[in-house]
Protein backbone atom coordinates (compact mmCIF):
# COMPACT_ATOMS: atom_id res chain seq x y z
CA MET A 1 97.65 239.67 -5.51
CA LEU A 2 94.75 242.32 -5.87
CA LEU A 3 91.26 241.74 -6.82
CA ALA A 4 89.10 244.77 -8.54
CA ILE A 5 85.83 244.06 -9.29
CA ASP A 6 83.75 247.26 -11.15
CA VAL A 7 80.17 245.28 -11.29
CA GLY A 8 78.22 247.18 -13.88
CA ASN A 9 73.81 247.41 -14.77
CA THR A 10 75.13 245.02 -17.69
CA HIS A 11 78.49 243.98 -17.46
CA THR A 12 81.11 243.60 -14.56
CA VAL A 13 85.00 244.07 -15.48
CA ILE A 14 87.41 242.37 -12.89
CA GLY A 15 90.97 243.20 -13.01
CA ALA A 16 93.66 241.06 -11.48
CA TYR A 17 97.03 243.12 -10.57
CA GLY A 18 99.68 241.70 -9.14
CA GLY A 19 101.64 245.75 -7.56
CA GLU A 20 100.96 248.05 -10.84
CA GLU A 21 100.81 245.32 -13.64
CA LEU A 22 97.51 244.10 -14.60
CA ARG A 23 98.23 240.63 -14.61
CA ALA A 24 94.57 239.50 -16.25
CA SER A 25 91.26 241.31 -17.07
CA TRP A 26 87.92 239.78 -17.70
CA ARG A 27 84.74 241.14 -18.75
CA ILE A 28 81.99 239.03 -18.22
CA PRO A 29 77.79 239.49 -18.05
CA THR A 30 76.11 241.37 -14.38
CA CYS A 31 74.07 238.40 -13.46
CA LYS A 32 71.71 240.24 -10.52
CA GLU A 33 70.96 236.85 -9.14
CA ASP A 34 74.67 235.97 -8.25
CA THR A 35 75.68 234.13 -5.35
CA PRO A 36 78.65 234.65 -3.28
CA ASP A 37 79.43 230.69 -4.52
CA ALA A 38 77.90 231.36 -8.28
CA ILE A 39 80.45 234.44 -8.57
CA CYS A 40 83.38 231.97 -7.27
CA ALA A 41 82.52 229.34 -9.51
CA ARG A 42 82.81 232.16 -11.90
CA LEU A 43 85.56 233.39 -11.41
CA LEU A 44 88.01 230.53 -10.66
CA PRO A 45 88.07 228.70 -13.66
CA LEU A 46 88.90 232.40 -15.34
CA MET A 47 92.38 232.87 -13.48
CA GLU A 48 93.38 228.80 -14.20
CA VAL A 49 93.22 229.48 -17.70
CA ALA A 50 94.87 232.95 -17.26
CA GLY A 51 97.62 230.60 -15.26
CA MET A 52 96.93 232.26 -12.05
CA ASP A 53 96.37 230.13 -8.79
CA SER A 54 93.72 232.41 -6.04
CA HIS A 55 95.90 231.41 -3.56
CA GLU A 56 98.35 234.51 -4.27
CA LEU A 57 95.01 236.88 -4.18
CA ASP A 58 95.15 238.35 -0.74
CA GLU A 59 92.87 242.19 -1.37
CA GLY A 60 89.82 242.71 -3.24
CA ILE A 61 88.22 246.17 -3.72
CA LEU A 62 84.82 246.32 -5.25
CA ALA A 63 83.16 249.17 -7.05
CA CYS A 64 79.53 248.01 -7.55
CA VAL A 65 76.29 250.11 -8.74
CA VAL A 66 73.59 247.50 -8.47
CA PRO A 67 72.52 247.45 -4.73
CA MET A 68 71.69 244.04 -4.44
CA LEU A 69 74.68 242.31 -5.33
CA THR A 70 76.77 244.87 -2.92
CA ARG A 71 77.28 241.58 -0.98
CA ALA A 72 77.52 239.07 -2.82
CA TRP A 73 80.85 240.32 -4.48
CA SER A 74 81.41 241.57 -0.90
CA ASP A 75 81.10 237.95 0.47
CA ALA A 76 82.37 236.26 -2.82
CA ILE A 77 86.33 238.62 -2.39
CA SER A 78 86.17 238.63 1.44
CA ALA A 79 86.22 234.34 0.07
CA LEU A 80 88.73 234.51 -2.35
CA CYS A 81 91.24 236.76 -0.60
CA GLY A 82 91.08 235.96 3.04
CA SER A 83 90.61 239.56 3.85
CA PRO A 84 87.44 241.97 3.92
CA ALA A 85 86.80 243.96 0.79
CA LEU A 86 87.58 247.72 0.30
CA ILE A 87 84.25 248.92 -0.94
CA VAL A 88 84.23 252.31 -3.32
CA SER A 89 83.06 255.58 -1.96
CA ALA A 90 83.54 259.26 -1.76
CA LYS A 91 85.14 258.27 1.72
CA THR A 92 86.90 254.92 1.01
CA ALA A 93 88.83 256.75 -1.99
CA GLY A 94 90.50 259.86 0.90
CA SER A 95 92.68 261.79 -0.70
CA LEU A 96 91.99 261.06 -4.34
CA PHE A 97 89.09 262.49 -4.97
CA CYS A 98 88.41 265.67 -3.86
CA ALA A 99 84.80 266.40 -4.51
CA ASP A 100 82.93 270.60 -4.65
CA TYR A 101 79.76 268.26 -5.04
CA PRO A 102 76.89 268.73 -3.08
CA ALA A 103 76.01 265.29 -1.93
CA PRO A 104 79.31 263.44 -2.82
CA GLN A 105 77.60 260.44 -1.14
CA GLU A 106 75.72 259.54 -4.44
CA ILE A 107 78.10 259.61 -6.23
CA GLY A 108 78.66 255.92 -8.40
CA ALA A 109 81.90 254.01 -7.70
CA ASP A 110 82.57 253.46 -10.90
CA ARG A 111 82.51 257.42 -11.88
CA ILE A 112 84.39 257.80 -8.40
CA ALA A 113 87.33 255.10 -9.29
CA ASP A 114 87.47 256.99 -13.19
CA ALA A 115 87.11 260.40 -11.93
CA VAL A 116 90.50 258.93 -9.95
CA ALA A 117 92.36 257.61 -12.38
CA LEU A 118 91.49 260.25 -14.37
CA LYS A 119 92.88 262.68 -11.86
CA ALA A 120 95.68 260.69 -11.31
CA LEU A 121 97.32 259.69 -15.11
CA TYR A 122 95.92 263.18 -17.20
CA GLY A 123 96.06 266.20 -15.27
CA CYS A 124 94.02 269.40 -14.52
CA PRO A 125 91.63 270.13 -15.54
CA SER A 126 90.35 267.13 -17.72
CA ILE A 127 87.25 264.82 -18.77
CA VAL A 128 86.14 261.23 -18.80
CA VAL A 129 83.49 259.53 -21.05
CA ASP A 130 82.39 255.60 -19.86
CA PHE A 131 80.51 254.39 -22.26
CA GLY A 132 78.37 251.41 -21.12
CA THR A 133 74.67 250.93 -20.06
CA ALA A 134 74.44 254.79 -19.60
CA THR A 135 77.23 257.32 -21.06
CA ASN A 136 78.84 259.13 -17.80
CA MET A 137 81.65 261.78 -18.00
CA GLU A 138 83.31 263.51 -15.09
CA VAL A 139 84.52 266.27 -14.53
CA ILE A 140 87.68 267.10 -12.98
CA ASP A 141 88.62 271.24 -13.01
CA ARG A 142 92.10 272.79 -12.91
CA ARG A 143 92.12 272.80 -8.57
CA GLY A 144 91.79 269.08 -9.31
CA ARG A 145 88.69 268.59 -7.89
CA PHE A 146 85.36 266.67 -9.52
CA ILE A 147 82.67 269.71 -10.07
CA GLY A 148 79.77 266.79 -12.00
CA GLY A 149 79.45 265.57 -14.80
CA ILE A 150 76.23 263.85 -17.20
CA ILE A 151 74.69 261.12 -17.25
CA ALA A 152 73.36 260.22 -20.24
CA PRO A 153 71.30 257.08 -21.86
CA GLY A 154 74.39 254.57 -23.52
CA LEU A 155 74.60 253.13 -26.74
CA GLN A 156 73.03 250.34 -26.52
CA THR A 157 70.34 251.52 -24.32
CA SER A 158 69.52 253.62 -27.02
CA ALA A 159 69.25 250.73 -29.53
CA GLN A 160 67.45 248.74 -27.84
CA THR A 161 64.94 250.60 -26.56
CA LEU A 162 64.30 252.16 -30.08
CA ILE A 163 64.04 248.98 -31.80
CA SER A 164 61.93 247.09 -28.91
CA ARG A 165 59.73 250.17 -29.49
CA GLY A 166 59.75 249.98 -33.68
CA ALA A 167 57.45 247.00 -35.02
CA GLN A 168 59.83 246.97 -38.43
CA LEU A 169 62.71 247.47 -36.59
CA SER A 170 65.45 244.61 -35.66
CA SER A 171 68.59 243.76 -33.46
CA ILE A 172 71.64 245.13 -35.59
CA ASN A 173 75.37 245.62 -34.90
CA LEU A 174 76.44 248.19 -33.62
CA THR A 175 79.01 249.08 -36.03
CA ALA A 176 79.51 252.21 -37.79
CA PRO A 177 78.19 252.66 -41.59
CA GLU A 178 80.18 253.92 -44.77
CA HIS A 179 77.99 257.11 -44.76
CA ALA A 180 75.80 259.13 -42.54
CA ILE A 181 72.42 258.93 -45.59
CA GLY A 182 71.82 255.13 -44.57
CA ARG A 183 70.43 253.91 -47.96
CA GLY A 184 67.87 251.30 -45.81
CA THR A 185 67.61 250.42 -43.32
CA GLU A 186 69.75 249.09 -40.84
CA GLU A 187 71.85 251.41 -42.42
CA ALA A 188 69.70 254.11 -41.77
CA LEU A 189 69.67 252.84 -37.74
CA LYS A 190 73.65 252.56 -37.61
CA SER A 191 73.78 255.59 -38.41
CA GLY A 192 71.26 257.64 -36.17
CA ILE A 193 72.68 255.53 -33.44
CA VAL A 194 75.95 255.44 -33.49
CA PHE A 195 76.90 259.07 -35.39
CA GLY A 196 74.61 260.51 -32.83
CA GLU A 197 76.53 258.81 -29.99
CA ALA A 198 79.38 259.52 -31.81
CA ASP A 199 78.21 263.41 -31.77
CA ARG A 200 76.17 264.08 -28.71
CA VAL A 201 79.30 263.25 -26.92
CA ASP A 202 81.37 265.89 -29.15
CA GLY A 203 78.43 268.48 -28.13
CA LEU A 204 77.94 267.90 -25.11
CA ILE A 205 82.10 267.60 -24.12
CA ARG A 206 81.88 270.95 -26.22
CA ARG A 207 79.07 272.46 -23.25
CA ILE A 208 81.47 271.26 -20.64
CA LYS A 209 84.63 272.89 -21.47
CA ALA A 210 82.43 276.17 -22.12
CA GLU A 211 81.61 276.59 -18.96
CA LEU A 212 84.95 275.16 -17.44
CA GLY A 213 85.76 278.90 -19.85
CA GLU A 214 89.52 276.55 -20.14
CA ASP A 215 90.28 273.94 -22.78
CA ALA A 216 90.16 270.45 -20.86
CA PHE A 217 92.04 266.71 -22.07
CA VAL A 218 89.11 264.11 -22.21
CA VAL A 219 89.50 260.88 -21.84
CA ALA A 220 86.87 257.29 -23.06
CA THR A 221 86.68 254.40 -21.11
CA GLY A 222 84.46 251.95 -20.73
CA GLY A 223 82.89 248.44 -23.15
CA LEU A 224 82.32 250.69 -25.72
CA ALA A 225 84.61 253.09 -26.15
CA GLU A 226 87.24 252.00 -29.08
CA GLY A 227 84.18 252.06 -31.74
CA VAL A 228 82.67 255.62 -30.75
CA ALA A 229 85.48 257.22 -29.28
CA SER A 230 87.20 257.07 -33.01
CA LEU A 231 84.52 258.59 -34.36
CA ALA A 232 84.32 261.51 -31.90
CA GLN A 233 86.50 264.56 -32.46
CA GLU A 234 86.33 265.80 -28.95
CA VAL A 235 88.13 263.04 -27.53
CA ASP A 236 91.91 262.71 -26.74
CA ASP A 237 92.38 258.96 -25.77
CA VAL A 238 91.32 255.64 -25.55
CA ASN A 239 91.99 254.26 -21.81
CA PRO A 240 89.92 250.86 -22.02
CA ASP A 241 91.59 250.19 -18.45
CA LEU A 242 91.00 253.26 -16.50
CA THR A 243 88.48 251.78 -14.42
CA LEU A 244 89.97 249.27 -12.73
CA ILE A 245 93.46 251.73 -12.51
CA GLY A 246 91.52 253.99 -10.61
CA LEU A 247 90.21 251.32 -8.02
CA ARG A 248 93.92 249.95 -8.33
CA LEU A 249 94.82 253.66 -7.38
CA ILE A 250 92.22 253.55 -4.65
CA SER A 251 93.62 250.27 -3.14
CA GLU A 252 96.89 251.87 -2.61
CA GLU A 253 95.77 254.61 -0.32
CA HIS A 254 93.96 252.95 1.72
CA ARG A 255 96.51 249.71 1.91
CA LYS A 256 98.77 253.49 3.20
CA ARG A 257 96.69 255.06 5.37
CA ALA A 258 95.74 251.98 7.07
CA LYS A 259 100.07 251.38 7.20
CA GLU A 260 100.17 255.03 8.49
CA ASP A 261 97.28 254.66 11.32
CA ALA A 262 99.05 251.31 12.34
CA CYS A 263 102.35 253.04 13.63
């Protein structure tokens, strides 16, 4: 069984795959003080509740955008799976990730996983919008090459920054209000943040399509995708497991190459 892990700045998404089946997935806060032992202590109860035995794990793959946590998570995966973790990069993604990009080694592991799954599931050209700490957009052109994207402040990041700098503003639930014109401070905040994010995404996607010179299929993923994507006119589909799928595909490709090299 494969353990696929996407460590983000705010949340960590974990998936357990039996073949192509996602048997269970979890979303937990990212703790930057985690040690391998602490990580294992967090994961084992989750697996137990899901009716899974850690002895079923035999391989793991890691996408981590928090450098200080890469070693801890890698060691935890090795301890749980009994084999070294595959660390995602443009190089380890192999032929699944073709980039027309000046410095592919700088591309974040989560962006690589998203791009791999996007191309495999939706074809080319296509765009993924990943709603997380940052709102990332990755672009695959008609040749199947990653050509770049957009990184913008995420929905919660924008809200927290605004609220922290406003003496009369308080924390709010980031759901869409009934009207664009807020009839109070909270409604006005919700309108500006939630509708503003949806319209920003639409505007950026239209700019991307104009530069491509053609239409492209747009997929939303990430923890906040469901709420915002439903308000965006340019989003064609929502796939909350896109990053995990990309990790699984990279792991399968790596396993295939290893077998070929051994022959």
